[in-house]
N, C-alpha and C. Protein backbone atom coordinates (compact mmCIF):
# COMPACT_ATOMS: atom_id res chain seq x y z
N MET A 1 -40.91 -40.78 92.67
CA MET A 1 -40.09 -41.76 91.95
C MET A 1 -38.67 -41.21 91.81
N ARG A 2 -37.67 -42.03 92.13
CA ARG A 2 -36.29 -41.61 91.99
C ARG A 2 -35.93 -41.42 90.55
N LEU A 3 -35.06 -40.47 90.29
CA LEU A 3 -34.64 -40.17 88.92
C LEU A 3 -33.47 -41.06 88.55
N ARG A 4 -33.70 -41.95 87.62
CA ARG A 4 -32.65 -42.84 87.11
C ARG A 4 -32.60 -42.66 85.61
N LEU A 5 -31.42 -42.44 85.11
CA LEU A 5 -31.28 -42.12 83.69
C LEU A 5 -30.33 -43.10 83.03
N CYS A 6 -30.74 -43.59 81.87
CA CYS A 6 -29.85 -44.48 81.14
C CYS A 6 -29.59 -44.00 79.72
N ALA A 7 -30.23 -42.95 79.28
CA ALA A 7 -30.00 -42.43 77.94
C ALA A 7 -30.23 -40.93 77.97
N PHE A 8 -29.58 -40.22 77.05
CA PHE A 8 -29.69 -38.79 77.00
C PHE A 8 -30.03 -38.35 75.59
N ALA A 9 -30.65 -37.17 75.50
CA ALA A 9 -30.90 -36.57 74.19
C ALA A 9 -29.61 -35.94 73.68
N ILE A 10 -29.65 -35.41 72.45
CA ILE A 10 -28.49 -34.76 71.88
C ILE A 10 -28.16 -33.53 72.71
N ALA A 11 -26.89 -33.35 73.01
CA ALA A 11 -26.48 -32.25 73.87
C ALA A 11 -26.85 -30.90 73.28
N SER A 12 -27.33 -29.99 74.13
CA SER A 12 -27.74 -28.69 73.63
C SER A 12 -27.15 -27.55 74.45
N ARG A 13 -26.38 -27.84 75.50
CA ARG A 13 -25.76 -26.78 76.27
C ARG A 13 -24.48 -27.30 76.89
N THR A 14 -23.71 -26.39 77.45
CA THR A 14 -22.44 -26.75 78.03
C THR A 14 -22.61 -27.19 79.47
N MET A 15 -22.00 -28.29 79.82
CA MET A 15 -22.02 -28.81 81.18
C MET A 15 -20.62 -28.69 81.76
N GLU A 16 -20.53 -28.25 83.00
CA GLU A 16 -19.24 -28.16 83.68
C GLU A 16 -19.00 -29.45 84.46
N THR A 17 -17.76 -29.88 84.49
CA THR A 17 -17.41 -31.15 85.12
C THR A 17 -16.37 -30.94 86.20
N ILE A 18 -16.67 -31.42 87.39
CA ILE A 18 -15.74 -31.37 88.52
C ILE A 18 -15.35 -32.80 88.86
N LEU A 19 -14.06 -33.06 88.88
CA LEU A 19 -13.56 -34.39 89.24
C LEU A 19 -12.87 -34.30 90.59
N ILE A 20 -13.22 -35.20 91.49
CA ILE A 20 -12.61 -35.26 92.82
C ILE A 20 -11.52 -36.31 92.80
N ALA A 21 -10.29 -35.91 93.10
CA ALA A 21 -9.16 -36.85 92.98
C ALA A 21 -8.23 -36.74 94.17
N ALA A 22 -7.77 -37.89 94.63
CA ALA A 22 -6.73 -37.97 95.67
C ALA A 22 -6.24 -39.40 95.67
N GLN A 23 -4.96 -39.57 95.44
CA GLN A 23 -4.45 -40.94 95.33
C GLN A 23 -4.26 -41.60 96.70
N LYS A 24 -4.37 -40.83 97.77
CA LYS A 24 -4.30 -41.42 99.09
C LYS A 24 -5.70 -41.73 99.61
N GLY A 25 -5.91 -42.90 100.13
CA GLY A 25 -7.20 -43.27 100.66
C GLY A 25 -7.55 -42.48 101.91
N GLY A 26 -8.83 -42.29 102.15
CA GLY A 26 -9.28 -41.62 103.35
C GLY A 26 -9.18 -40.12 103.33
N ALA A 27 -8.89 -39.55 102.16
CA ALA A 27 -8.70 -38.10 102.08
C ALA A 27 -10.02 -37.34 102.16
N GLY A 28 -11.13 -38.02 101.88
CA GLY A 28 -12.44 -37.36 101.94
C GLY A 28 -13.05 -37.06 100.59
N LYS A 29 -12.66 -37.82 99.57
CA LYS A 29 -13.18 -37.59 98.22
C LYS A 29 -14.69 -37.75 98.16
N THR A 30 -15.17 -38.87 98.63
CA THR A 30 -16.61 -39.14 98.52
C THR A 30 -17.42 -38.17 99.39
N THR A 31 -16.92 -37.85 100.56
CA THR A 31 -17.59 -36.86 101.41
C THR A 31 -17.72 -35.53 100.68
N LEU A 32 -16.65 -35.10 100.02
CA LEU A 32 -16.69 -33.84 99.28
C LEU A 32 -17.63 -33.96 98.09
N ALA A 33 -17.59 -35.08 97.38
CA ALA A 33 -18.42 -35.25 96.18
C ALA A 33 -19.91 -35.21 96.53
N ARG A 34 -20.31 -35.94 97.55
CA ARG A 34 -21.74 -35.99 97.84
C ARG A 34 -22.24 -34.66 98.41
N ASN A 35 -21.47 -34.02 99.26
CA ASN A 35 -21.92 -32.77 99.85
C ASN A 35 -21.89 -31.62 98.86
N LEU A 36 -20.91 -31.61 97.99
CA LEU A 36 -20.85 -30.56 96.97
C LEU A 36 -22.00 -30.73 95.98
N SER A 37 -22.33 -31.97 95.65
CA SER A 37 -23.43 -32.21 94.72
C SER A 37 -24.76 -31.77 95.30
N VAL A 38 -24.97 -31.99 96.59
CA VAL A 38 -26.21 -31.54 97.24
C VAL A 38 -26.25 -30.02 97.30
N ALA A 39 -25.15 -29.40 97.66
CA ALA A 39 -25.11 -27.94 97.73
C ALA A 39 -25.38 -27.32 96.37
N ALA A 40 -24.82 -27.91 95.32
CA ALA A 40 -25.04 -27.39 93.97
C ALA A 40 -26.49 -27.56 93.55
N ALA A 41 -27.07 -28.71 93.90
CA ALA A 41 -28.48 -28.95 93.57
C ALA A 41 -29.39 -27.98 94.31
N LEU A 42 -29.10 -27.71 95.56
CA LEU A 42 -29.89 -26.76 96.34
C LEU A 42 -29.75 -25.34 95.78
N ASP A 43 -28.64 -25.11 95.09
CA ASP A 43 -28.38 -23.80 94.47
C ASP A 43 -29.01 -23.69 93.08
N GLY A 44 -29.75 -24.71 92.69
CA GLY A 44 -30.47 -24.64 91.42
C GLY A 44 -29.77 -25.32 90.25
N ARG A 45 -28.63 -25.94 90.48
CA ARG A 45 -27.94 -26.64 89.41
C ARG A 45 -28.59 -28.00 89.14
N LYS A 46 -28.58 -28.41 87.89
CA LYS A 46 -29.01 -29.75 87.52
C LYS A 46 -27.77 -30.63 87.54
N VAL A 47 -27.66 -31.44 88.59
CA VAL A 47 -26.41 -32.13 88.89
C VAL A 47 -26.50 -33.62 88.59
N LEU A 48 -25.48 -34.13 87.93
CA LEU A 48 -25.30 -35.56 87.70
C LEU A 48 -24.07 -36.00 88.47
N CYS A 49 -24.16 -37.08 89.23
CA CYS A 49 -23.02 -37.67 89.91
C CYS A 49 -22.59 -38.95 89.20
N LEU A 50 -21.29 -39.11 89.06
CA LEU A 50 -20.74 -40.35 88.52
C LEU A 50 -19.76 -40.92 89.52
N ASP A 51 -19.82 -42.22 89.73
CA ASP A 51 -18.95 -42.90 90.69
C ASP A 51 -18.03 -43.84 89.93
N LEU A 52 -16.77 -43.44 89.78
CA LEU A 52 -15.78 -44.28 89.09
C LEU A 52 -14.92 -45.07 90.06
N ASP A 53 -15.24 -44.99 91.34
CA ASP A 53 -14.51 -45.76 92.35
C ASP A 53 -15.15 -47.14 92.48
N PRO A 54 -14.40 -48.21 92.27
CA PRO A 54 -14.97 -49.56 92.38
C PRO A 54 -15.63 -49.84 93.73
N GLN A 55 -15.24 -49.11 94.78
CA GLN A 55 -15.87 -49.31 96.09
C GLN A 55 -17.33 -48.87 96.09
N GLY A 56 -17.69 -47.96 95.19
CA GLY A 56 -19.08 -47.57 95.02
C GLY A 56 -19.69 -46.82 96.19
N SER A 57 -18.90 -46.10 96.95
CA SER A 57 -19.42 -45.41 98.14
C SER A 57 -20.38 -44.28 97.79
N LEU A 58 -20.09 -43.55 96.72
CA LEU A 58 -20.98 -42.45 96.32
C LEU A 58 -22.32 -43.00 95.88
N ARG A 59 -22.31 -44.08 95.12
CA ARG A 59 -23.56 -44.68 94.67
C ARG A 59 -24.35 -45.25 95.85
N ALA A 60 -23.65 -45.88 96.79
CA ALA A 60 -24.34 -46.44 97.96
C ALA A 60 -25.03 -45.33 98.75
N TRP A 61 -24.36 -44.19 98.87
CA TRP A 61 -24.98 -43.04 99.54
C TRP A 61 -26.21 -42.58 98.78
N TRP A 62 -26.09 -42.47 97.47
CA TRP A 62 -27.20 -41.99 96.63
C TRP A 62 -28.38 -42.95 96.69
N GLU A 63 -28.10 -44.24 96.75
CA GLU A 63 -29.18 -45.22 96.82
C GLU A 63 -30.01 -45.04 98.10
N GLY A 64 -29.43 -44.44 99.11
CA GLY A 64 -30.14 -44.21 100.34
C GLY A 64 -30.85 -42.88 100.42
N ARG A 65 -30.80 -42.08 99.35
CA ARG A 65 -31.44 -40.77 99.37
C ARG A 65 -32.93 -40.86 99.07
N ASP A 66 -33.67 -39.94 99.65
CA ASP A 66 -35.09 -39.79 99.34
C ASP A 66 -35.31 -38.71 98.29
N ALA A 67 -34.41 -37.75 98.21
CA ALA A 67 -34.56 -36.64 97.27
C ALA A 67 -34.28 -37.08 95.83
N ASP A 68 -34.86 -36.36 94.88
CA ASP A 68 -34.68 -36.70 93.47
C ASP A 68 -33.37 -36.19 92.91
N THR A 69 -32.77 -35.22 93.60
CA THR A 69 -31.52 -34.65 93.12
C THR A 69 -30.44 -34.79 94.18
N PRO A 70 -29.17 -34.88 93.76
CA PRO A 70 -28.67 -34.98 92.39
C PRO A 70 -29.04 -36.31 91.76
N ALA A 71 -28.81 -36.42 90.46
CA ALA A 71 -29.16 -37.64 89.73
C ALA A 71 -27.95 -38.55 89.54
N MET A 72 -28.24 -39.82 89.30
CA MET A 72 -27.21 -40.77 88.89
C MET A 72 -27.78 -41.64 87.77
N LEU A 73 -26.91 -42.25 87.02
CA LEU A 73 -27.32 -43.20 85.99
C LEU A 73 -27.71 -44.52 86.62
N ASP A 74 -28.37 -45.36 85.85
CA ASP A 74 -28.64 -46.71 86.32
C ASP A 74 -27.33 -47.42 86.63
N ARG A 75 -26.33 -47.18 85.77
CA ARG A 75 -25.00 -47.72 85.99
C ARG A 75 -23.98 -46.64 85.66
N ASP A 76 -22.93 -46.61 86.43
CA ASP A 76 -21.86 -45.66 86.12
C ASP A 76 -21.07 -46.17 84.91
N PRO A 77 -20.56 -45.25 84.10
CA PRO A 77 -19.86 -45.68 82.88
C PRO A 77 -18.51 -46.30 83.20
N ALA A 78 -18.08 -47.18 82.32
CA ALA A 78 -16.70 -47.65 82.38
C ALA A 78 -15.80 -46.45 82.05
N PRO A 79 -14.60 -46.41 82.59
CA PRO A 79 -13.73 -45.26 82.34
C PRO A 79 -13.56 -44.91 80.87
N HIS A 80 -13.48 -45.92 80.00
CA HIS A 80 -13.26 -45.62 78.58
C HIS A 80 -14.49 -44.98 77.94
N ALA A 81 -15.64 -45.07 78.60
CA ALA A 81 -16.86 -44.48 78.06
C ALA A 81 -17.21 -43.15 78.74
N LEU A 82 -16.31 -42.63 79.57
CA LEU A 82 -16.60 -41.43 80.33
C LEU A 82 -16.88 -40.23 79.44
N LYS A 83 -16.02 -39.98 78.46
CA LYS A 83 -16.20 -38.79 77.62
C LYS A 83 -17.50 -38.84 76.85
N ALA A 84 -17.86 -40.00 76.35
CA ALA A 84 -19.13 -40.13 75.62
C ALA A 84 -20.31 -39.87 76.55
N THR A 85 -20.21 -40.35 77.77
CA THR A 85 -21.27 -40.13 78.75
C THR A 85 -21.40 -38.64 79.08
N LEU A 86 -20.27 -37.98 79.27
CA LEU A 86 -20.29 -36.55 79.57
C LEU A 86 -20.87 -35.75 78.40
N ASN A 87 -20.49 -36.10 77.20
CA ASN A 87 -21.03 -35.40 76.03
C ASN A 87 -22.54 -35.53 75.95
N ALA A 88 -23.04 -36.74 76.19
CA ALA A 88 -24.47 -36.97 76.10
C ALA A 88 -25.22 -36.29 77.25
N ALA A 89 -24.60 -36.24 78.42
CA ALA A 89 -25.27 -35.69 79.60
C ALA A 89 -25.52 -34.19 79.49
N GLN A 90 -24.81 -33.51 78.61
CA GLN A 90 -24.98 -32.06 78.49
C GLN A 90 -26.40 -31.66 78.12
N ALA A 91 -27.16 -32.58 77.56
CA ALA A 91 -28.53 -32.26 77.17
C ALA A 91 -29.43 -32.04 78.38
N GLN A 92 -29.09 -32.64 79.51
CA GLN A 92 -29.98 -32.58 80.67
C GLN A 92 -29.36 -31.97 81.92
N PHE A 93 -28.05 -31.82 81.95
CA PHE A 93 -27.38 -31.35 83.16
C PHE A 93 -26.45 -30.19 82.87
N ASP A 94 -26.25 -29.37 83.89
CA ASP A 94 -25.26 -28.29 83.74
C ASP A 94 -24.06 -28.47 84.66
N LEU A 95 -24.07 -29.56 85.46
CA LEU A 95 -22.92 -29.85 86.32
C LEU A 95 -22.81 -31.35 86.52
N CYS A 96 -21.59 -31.87 86.40
CA CYS A 96 -21.32 -33.28 86.69
C CYS A 96 -20.19 -33.34 87.71
N ILE A 97 -20.39 -34.13 88.76
CA ILE A 97 -19.38 -34.31 89.79
C ILE A 97 -18.97 -35.78 89.79
N ILE A 98 -17.68 -36.02 89.66
CA ILE A 98 -17.17 -37.37 89.49
C ILE A 98 -16.28 -37.77 90.66
N ASP A 99 -16.58 -38.90 91.28
CA ASP A 99 -15.75 -39.46 92.34
C ASP A 99 -14.81 -40.49 91.71
N THR A 100 -13.57 -40.54 92.19
CA THR A 100 -12.57 -41.45 91.61
C THR A 100 -11.93 -42.29 92.71
N PRO A 101 -11.24 -43.36 92.34
CA PRO A 101 -10.66 -44.24 93.36
C PRO A 101 -9.39 -43.66 93.97
N PRO A 102 -9.02 -44.15 95.16
CA PRO A 102 -7.78 -43.73 95.81
C PRO A 102 -6.59 -44.49 95.24
N ALA A 103 -6.31 -44.25 93.97
CA ALA A 103 -5.24 -44.94 93.28
C ALA A 103 -4.95 -44.17 92.00
N ALA A 104 -4.05 -44.69 91.18
CA ALA A 104 -3.72 -44.04 89.92
C ALA A 104 -3.85 -45.04 88.77
N PRO A 105 -5.08 -45.46 88.44
CA PRO A 105 -5.26 -46.38 87.32
C PRO A 105 -4.84 -45.73 86.01
N GLU A 106 -4.63 -46.54 85.00
CA GLU A 106 -4.14 -46.02 83.72
C GLU A 106 -5.09 -45.00 83.10
N TRP A 107 -6.39 -45.15 83.37
CA TRP A 107 -7.37 -44.27 82.74
C TRP A 107 -7.51 -42.93 83.44
N LEU A 108 -6.86 -42.75 84.60
CA LEU A 108 -7.09 -41.53 85.37
C LEU A 108 -6.68 -40.28 84.61
N SER A 109 -5.58 -40.34 83.88
CA SER A 109 -5.13 -39.15 83.15
C SER A 109 -6.17 -38.69 82.14
N GLU A 110 -6.83 -39.63 81.47
CA GLU A 110 -7.87 -39.28 80.51
C GLU A 110 -9.08 -38.67 81.23
N ALA A 111 -9.43 -39.22 82.38
CA ALA A 111 -10.54 -38.68 83.15
C ALA A 111 -10.23 -37.27 83.64
N LEU A 112 -9.00 -37.06 84.09
CA LEU A 112 -8.59 -35.73 84.52
C LEU A 112 -8.72 -34.73 83.38
N GLY A 113 -8.33 -35.16 82.20
CA GLY A 113 -8.39 -34.27 81.04
C GLY A 113 -9.79 -33.90 80.63
N ALA A 114 -10.78 -34.67 81.06
CA ALA A 114 -12.18 -34.38 80.71
C ALA A 114 -12.82 -33.40 81.68
N ALA A 115 -12.12 -33.04 82.73
CA ALA A 115 -12.69 -32.18 83.77
C ALA A 115 -12.42 -30.71 83.48
N ASP A 116 -13.33 -29.87 83.95
CA ASP A 116 -13.12 -28.43 83.92
C ASP A 116 -12.38 -27.97 85.17
N LEU A 117 -12.52 -28.76 86.24
CA LEU A 117 -11.85 -28.44 87.50
C LEU A 117 -11.64 -29.74 88.28
N VAL A 118 -10.45 -29.88 88.85
CA VAL A 118 -10.16 -31.01 89.72
C VAL A 118 -10.05 -30.49 91.15
N LEU A 119 -10.80 -31.10 92.05
CA LEU A 119 -10.70 -30.77 93.47
C LEU A 119 -9.93 -31.88 94.17
N ILE A 120 -8.95 -31.49 94.97
CA ILE A 120 -8.08 -32.45 95.65
C ILE A 120 -8.26 -32.28 97.15
N PRO A 121 -9.03 -33.15 97.79
CA PRO A 121 -9.16 -33.08 99.26
C PRO A 121 -7.89 -33.61 99.91
N VAL A 122 -7.46 -32.92 100.95
CA VAL A 122 -6.23 -33.31 101.65
C VAL A 122 -6.44 -33.16 103.15
N ARG A 123 -6.13 -34.19 103.89
CA ARG A 123 -6.14 -34.08 105.35
C ARG A 123 -4.85 -33.41 105.82
N PRO A 124 -4.91 -32.58 106.86
CA PRO A 124 -3.71 -31.89 107.34
C PRO A 124 -2.83 -32.79 108.21
N SER A 125 -2.17 -33.72 107.55
CA SER A 125 -1.25 -34.61 108.26
C SER A 125 0.02 -34.77 107.43
N PRO A 126 1.15 -35.04 108.05
CA PRO A 126 2.39 -35.22 107.29
C PRO A 126 2.27 -36.30 106.22
N ASP A 127 1.61 -37.41 106.55
CA ASP A 127 1.46 -38.50 105.59
C ASP A 127 0.68 -38.04 104.36
N ASP A 128 -0.41 -37.32 104.59
CA ASP A 128 -1.24 -36.87 103.48
C ASP A 128 -0.51 -35.83 102.63
N LEU A 129 0.23 -34.94 103.27
CA LEU A 129 0.96 -33.92 102.52
C LEU A 129 2.06 -34.55 101.68
N ARG A 130 2.69 -35.58 102.20
CA ARG A 130 3.72 -36.27 101.40
C ARG A 130 3.08 -36.99 100.22
N ALA A 131 1.91 -37.57 100.45
CA ALA A 131 1.27 -38.37 99.40
C ALA A 131 0.64 -37.53 98.30
N VAL A 132 0.32 -36.26 98.56
CA VAL A 132 -0.42 -35.46 97.59
C VAL A 132 0.41 -35.13 96.35
N GLY A 133 1.74 -35.30 96.45
CA GLY A 133 2.60 -34.98 95.32
C GLY A 133 2.24 -35.76 94.06
N ALA A 134 1.86 -37.01 94.22
CA ALA A 134 1.51 -37.83 93.05
C ALA A 134 0.26 -37.29 92.36
N THR A 135 -0.71 -36.85 93.14
CA THR A 135 -1.93 -36.29 92.56
C THR A 135 -1.64 -34.97 91.86
N ILE A 136 -0.81 -34.14 92.48
CA ILE A 136 -0.43 -32.86 91.86
C ILE A 136 0.24 -33.11 90.52
N ALA A 137 1.15 -34.09 90.48
CA ALA A 137 1.85 -34.39 89.24
C ALA A 137 0.89 -34.85 88.15
N ALA A 138 -0.08 -35.68 88.53
CA ALA A 138 -1.04 -36.18 87.54
C ALA A 138 -1.91 -35.05 86.99
N VAL A 139 -2.34 -34.15 87.87
CA VAL A 139 -3.19 -33.04 87.43
C VAL A 139 -2.40 -32.07 86.56
N ASN A 140 -1.16 -31.79 86.94
CA ASN A 140 -0.34 -30.90 86.12
C ASN A 140 -0.07 -31.51 84.75
N ALA A 141 0.14 -32.82 84.70
CA ALA A 141 0.37 -33.48 83.41
C ALA A 141 -0.86 -33.40 82.52
N ALA A 142 -2.05 -33.42 83.13
CA ALA A 142 -3.29 -33.32 82.37
C ALA A 142 -3.61 -31.87 81.98
N LYS A 143 -2.89 -30.91 82.57
CA LYS A 143 -3.05 -29.49 82.27
C LYS A 143 -4.50 -29.03 82.49
N VAL A 144 -5.02 -29.36 83.66
CA VAL A 144 -6.39 -28.99 84.01
C VAL A 144 -6.35 -28.16 85.29
N PRO A 145 -7.20 -27.14 85.41
CA PRO A 145 -7.24 -26.33 86.64
C PRO A 145 -7.58 -27.20 87.85
N PHE A 146 -7.00 -26.85 88.99
CA PHE A 146 -7.28 -27.62 90.19
C PHE A 146 -7.22 -26.73 91.42
N ALA A 147 -7.77 -27.24 92.50
CA ALA A 147 -7.72 -26.55 93.79
C ALA A 147 -7.73 -27.59 94.89
N PHE A 148 -7.08 -27.25 95.99
CA PHE A 148 -7.08 -28.13 97.16
C PHE A 148 -8.23 -27.75 98.10
N ALA A 149 -8.72 -28.75 98.83
CA ALA A 149 -9.70 -28.51 99.88
C ALA A 149 -9.25 -29.29 101.11
N LEU A 150 -8.90 -28.57 102.16
CA LEU A 150 -8.49 -29.25 103.39
C LEU A 150 -9.71 -29.90 104.03
N SER A 151 -9.57 -31.18 104.37
CA SER A 151 -10.70 -31.93 104.91
C SER A 151 -10.35 -32.57 106.24
N GLN A 152 -11.40 -32.87 107.02
CA GLN A 152 -11.23 -33.51 108.32
C GLN A 152 -10.26 -32.72 109.20
N THR A 153 -10.41 -31.40 109.17
CA THR A 153 -9.44 -30.54 109.82
C THR A 153 -9.73 -30.35 111.31
N PRO A 154 -8.71 -30.49 112.15
CA PRO A 154 -8.86 -30.13 113.56
C PRO A 154 -8.56 -28.64 113.74
N ARG A 155 -8.96 -28.11 114.85
CA ARG A 155 -8.62 -26.71 115.16
C ARG A 155 -7.24 -26.71 115.81
N ALA A 156 -6.22 -26.78 114.96
CA ALA A 156 -4.85 -26.89 115.44
C ALA A 156 -3.91 -26.23 114.45
N ARG A 157 -2.71 -25.98 114.91
CA ARG A 157 -1.72 -25.30 114.08
C ARG A 157 -1.40 -26.08 112.82
N ILE A 158 -1.49 -27.40 112.88
CA ILE A 158 -1.13 -28.21 111.73
C ILE A 158 -2.03 -27.92 110.53
N THR A 159 -3.26 -27.51 110.77
CA THR A 159 -4.16 -27.16 109.68
C THR A 159 -3.66 -25.93 108.94
N GLU A 160 -3.23 -24.91 109.68
CA GLU A 160 -2.69 -23.71 109.05
C GLU A 160 -1.39 -24.01 108.31
N GLU A 161 -0.58 -24.86 108.89
CA GLU A 161 0.69 -25.22 108.24
C GLU A 161 0.44 -25.98 106.95
N ALA A 162 -0.55 -26.87 106.96
CA ALA A 162 -0.89 -27.63 105.76
C ALA A 162 -1.36 -26.69 104.65
N ALA A 163 -2.16 -25.71 105.00
CA ALA A 163 -2.65 -24.75 104.01
C ALA A 163 -1.49 -23.99 103.39
N ARG A 164 -0.50 -23.61 104.19
CA ARG A 164 0.66 -22.90 103.66
C ARG A 164 1.47 -23.78 102.71
N VAL A 165 1.63 -25.05 103.07
CA VAL A 165 2.38 -25.97 102.20
C VAL A 165 1.65 -26.15 100.87
N LEU A 166 0.36 -26.39 100.92
CA LEU A 166 -0.40 -26.62 99.70
C LEU A 166 -0.44 -25.38 98.82
N ALA A 167 -0.48 -24.19 99.43
CA ALA A 167 -0.54 -22.96 98.65
C ALA A 167 0.69 -22.75 97.78
N GLN A 168 1.77 -23.44 98.08
CA GLN A 168 2.96 -23.36 97.25
C GLN A 168 2.78 -24.09 95.93
N HIS A 169 1.75 -24.93 95.86
CA HIS A 169 1.54 -25.75 94.67
C HIS A 169 0.27 -25.39 93.90
N GLY A 170 -0.64 -24.65 94.52
CA GLY A 170 -1.88 -24.30 93.83
C GLY A 170 -2.85 -23.61 94.76
N ARG A 171 -4.05 -23.40 94.26
CA ARG A 171 -5.09 -22.73 95.05
C ARG A 171 -5.60 -23.63 96.16
N VAL A 172 -5.93 -23.00 97.27
CA VAL A 172 -6.49 -23.72 98.42
C VAL A 172 -7.82 -23.07 98.78
N ALA A 173 -8.87 -23.87 98.88
CA ALA A 173 -10.17 -23.34 99.27
C ALA A 173 -10.03 -22.60 100.60
N PRO A 174 -10.60 -21.40 100.70
CA PRO A 174 -10.43 -20.59 101.91
C PRO A 174 -11.21 -21.09 103.12
N VAL A 175 -12.08 -22.07 102.92
CA VAL A 175 -12.87 -22.64 104.02
C VAL A 175 -12.52 -24.11 104.16
N ASN A 176 -12.19 -24.53 105.36
CA ASN A 176 -11.84 -25.92 105.62
C ASN A 176 -13.08 -26.75 105.90
N ILE A 177 -13.00 -28.03 105.57
CA ILE A 177 -14.05 -28.98 105.91
C ILE A 177 -13.63 -29.66 107.21
N ALA A 178 -14.24 -29.25 108.29
CA ALA A 178 -13.81 -29.70 109.62
C ALA A 178 -14.19 -31.15 109.87
N GLN A 179 -13.60 -31.70 110.90
CA GLN A 179 -13.90 -33.08 111.30
C GLN A 179 -15.16 -33.04 112.16
N ARG A 180 -16.31 -33.32 111.55
CA ARG A 180 -17.60 -33.22 112.23
C ARG A 180 -18.36 -34.55 112.10
N VAL A 181 -19.11 -34.87 113.11
CA VAL A 181 -19.91 -36.09 113.12
C VAL A 181 -20.93 -36.08 111.98
N ALA A 182 -21.42 -34.91 111.61
CA ALA A 182 -22.46 -34.81 110.58
C ALA A 182 -22.02 -35.39 109.25
N TYR A 183 -20.75 -35.27 108.92
CA TYR A 183 -20.28 -35.79 107.64
C TYR A 183 -20.36 -37.32 107.62
N ALA A 184 -20.04 -37.95 108.73
CA ALA A 184 -20.14 -39.41 108.81
C ALA A 184 -21.60 -39.85 108.85
N GLU A 185 -22.41 -39.16 109.63
CA GLU A 185 -23.81 -39.56 109.79
C GLU A 185 -24.56 -39.46 108.45
N THR A 186 -24.33 -38.41 107.70
CA THR A 186 -25.06 -38.24 106.44
C THR A 186 -24.59 -39.23 105.37
N GLY A 187 -23.41 -39.79 105.56
CA GLY A 187 -22.99 -40.84 104.65
C GLY A 187 -23.88 -42.07 104.77
N ALA A 188 -24.48 -42.25 105.94
CA ALA A 188 -25.37 -43.38 106.17
C ALA A 188 -26.82 -43.06 105.86
N THR A 189 -27.21 -41.79 105.99
CA THR A 189 -28.62 -41.43 105.82
C THR A 189 -28.98 -40.99 104.40
N GLY A 190 -27.97 -40.84 103.54
CA GLY A 190 -28.26 -40.40 102.18
C GLY A 190 -28.51 -38.91 102.06
N GLN A 191 -28.07 -38.15 103.04
CA GLN A 191 -28.24 -36.70 103.01
C GLN A 191 -26.91 -36.01 102.74
N GLY A 192 -27.01 -34.71 102.48
CA GLY A 192 -25.86 -33.84 102.54
C GLY A 192 -25.97 -33.06 103.83
N VAL A 193 -24.84 -32.56 104.32
CA VAL A 193 -24.91 -31.81 105.58
C VAL A 193 -25.75 -30.54 105.41
N SER A 194 -25.89 -30.06 104.17
CA SER A 194 -26.73 -28.89 103.91
C SER A 194 -28.20 -29.17 104.17
N GLU A 195 -28.55 -30.44 104.29
CA GLU A 195 -29.94 -30.83 104.53
C GLU A 195 -30.20 -31.21 105.98
N THR A 196 -29.23 -30.96 106.85
CA THR A 196 -29.36 -31.31 108.26
C THR A 196 -29.44 -30.04 109.11
N THR A 197 -29.51 -30.24 110.41
CA THR A 197 -29.57 -29.11 111.34
C THR A 197 -28.18 -28.65 111.77
N ASP A 198 -27.14 -29.26 111.22
CA ASP A 198 -25.77 -28.83 111.56
C ASP A 198 -25.43 -27.61 110.71
N ASP A 199 -25.71 -26.45 111.25
CA ASP A 199 -25.52 -25.21 110.49
C ASP A 199 -24.06 -24.93 110.17
N LYS A 200 -23.17 -25.32 111.06
CA LYS A 200 -21.75 -25.06 110.81
C LYS A 200 -21.25 -25.88 109.64
N ALA A 201 -21.62 -27.16 109.60
CA ALA A 201 -21.22 -28.00 108.48
C ALA A 201 -21.85 -27.50 107.18
N GLY A 202 -23.13 -27.14 107.26
CA GLY A 202 -23.80 -26.62 106.07
C GLY A 202 -23.15 -25.36 105.55
N ALA A 203 -22.73 -24.49 106.45
CA ALA A 203 -22.08 -23.25 106.04
C ALA A 203 -20.72 -23.52 105.40
N GLU A 204 -20.01 -24.51 105.92
CA GLU A 204 -18.71 -24.88 105.32
C GLU A 204 -18.89 -25.31 103.87
N ILE A 205 -19.82 -26.21 103.65
CA ILE A 205 -20.02 -26.74 102.30
C ILE A 205 -20.54 -25.65 101.36
N ALA A 206 -21.44 -24.80 101.86
CA ALA A 206 -21.94 -23.70 101.03
C ALA A 206 -20.80 -22.78 100.62
N ALA A 207 -19.87 -22.53 101.53
CA ALA A 207 -18.73 -21.67 101.22
C ALA A 207 -17.79 -22.33 100.21
N VAL A 208 -17.59 -23.64 100.35
CA VAL A 208 -16.75 -24.35 99.37
C VAL A 208 -17.41 -24.31 98.00
N TRP A 209 -18.73 -24.50 97.95
CA TRP A 209 -19.44 -24.45 96.68
C TRP A 209 -19.33 -23.06 96.06
N ASP A 210 -19.47 -22.02 96.86
CA ASP A 210 -19.32 -20.66 96.34
C ASP A 210 -17.93 -20.44 95.77
N TYR A 211 -16.92 -20.98 96.45
CA TYR A 211 -15.56 -20.87 95.97
C TYR A 211 -15.38 -21.59 94.64
N VAL A 212 -15.93 -22.79 94.55
CA VAL A 212 -15.85 -23.56 93.31
C VAL A 212 -16.56 -22.83 92.17
N LYS A 213 -17.73 -22.29 92.46
CA LYS A 213 -18.46 -21.53 91.43
C LYS A 213 -17.63 -20.38 90.91
N GLY A 214 -16.93 -19.71 91.80
CA GLY A 214 -16.09 -18.60 91.39
C GLY A 214 -15.00 -19.02 90.44
N ILE A 215 -14.42 -20.20 90.67
CA ILE A 215 -13.38 -20.71 89.76
C ILE A 215 -13.99 -21.05 88.41
N LEU A 216 -15.12 -21.75 88.43
CA LEU A 216 -15.75 -22.17 87.19
C LEU A 216 -16.22 -20.97 86.35
N ASN A 217 -16.65 -19.92 87.04
CA ASN A 217 -17.14 -18.73 86.34
C ASN A 217 -16.01 -17.82 85.87
N GLY A 218 -14.78 -18.20 86.24
CA GLY A 218 -13.64 -17.42 85.78
C GLY A 218 -13.43 -16.15 86.56
């Protein structure tokens, strides 16, 4: 039976919250959210996913999963109810990963402020690098730790150049998320790449998760 939760007990432990944000569409937010959540679950974390993107791509992926973890609610909370949901979820989970829309709605600053870490996926292209400034400004205004993750990366000089540009503004994950067929295929099958035979993709995500854990653990 799939795990669907609509109510929580009184919180009894601390839960860490990772919010995936990028105001430019197509940056790879949902890909990062679903694969990071699977990697964390495989690592023994009790993971809750929340989908605040009206497109509902993270939820659609989860609906296609056979595994019981990570978990989702029957319904994702409205943005104004996010903090209450996070507070209640601490009773059952030790990690929450939140997907957000490719835009800057009024509630985004409050959602950013509720996170322990914001991950910003960025494609190594001039358009994406120009657009990331708005996300950086929003995260800095919320005064929350953040890190960049290069996504959909080709094996080309532009990837290295993008990493250098981003490093001027904050931390950059040392492992890139390459442009691989497995990421698209698992979006349809309800899997994470860590659950497939694509060892290279699985190793990438495991390394990103290890990097994230290091930040969260201080």
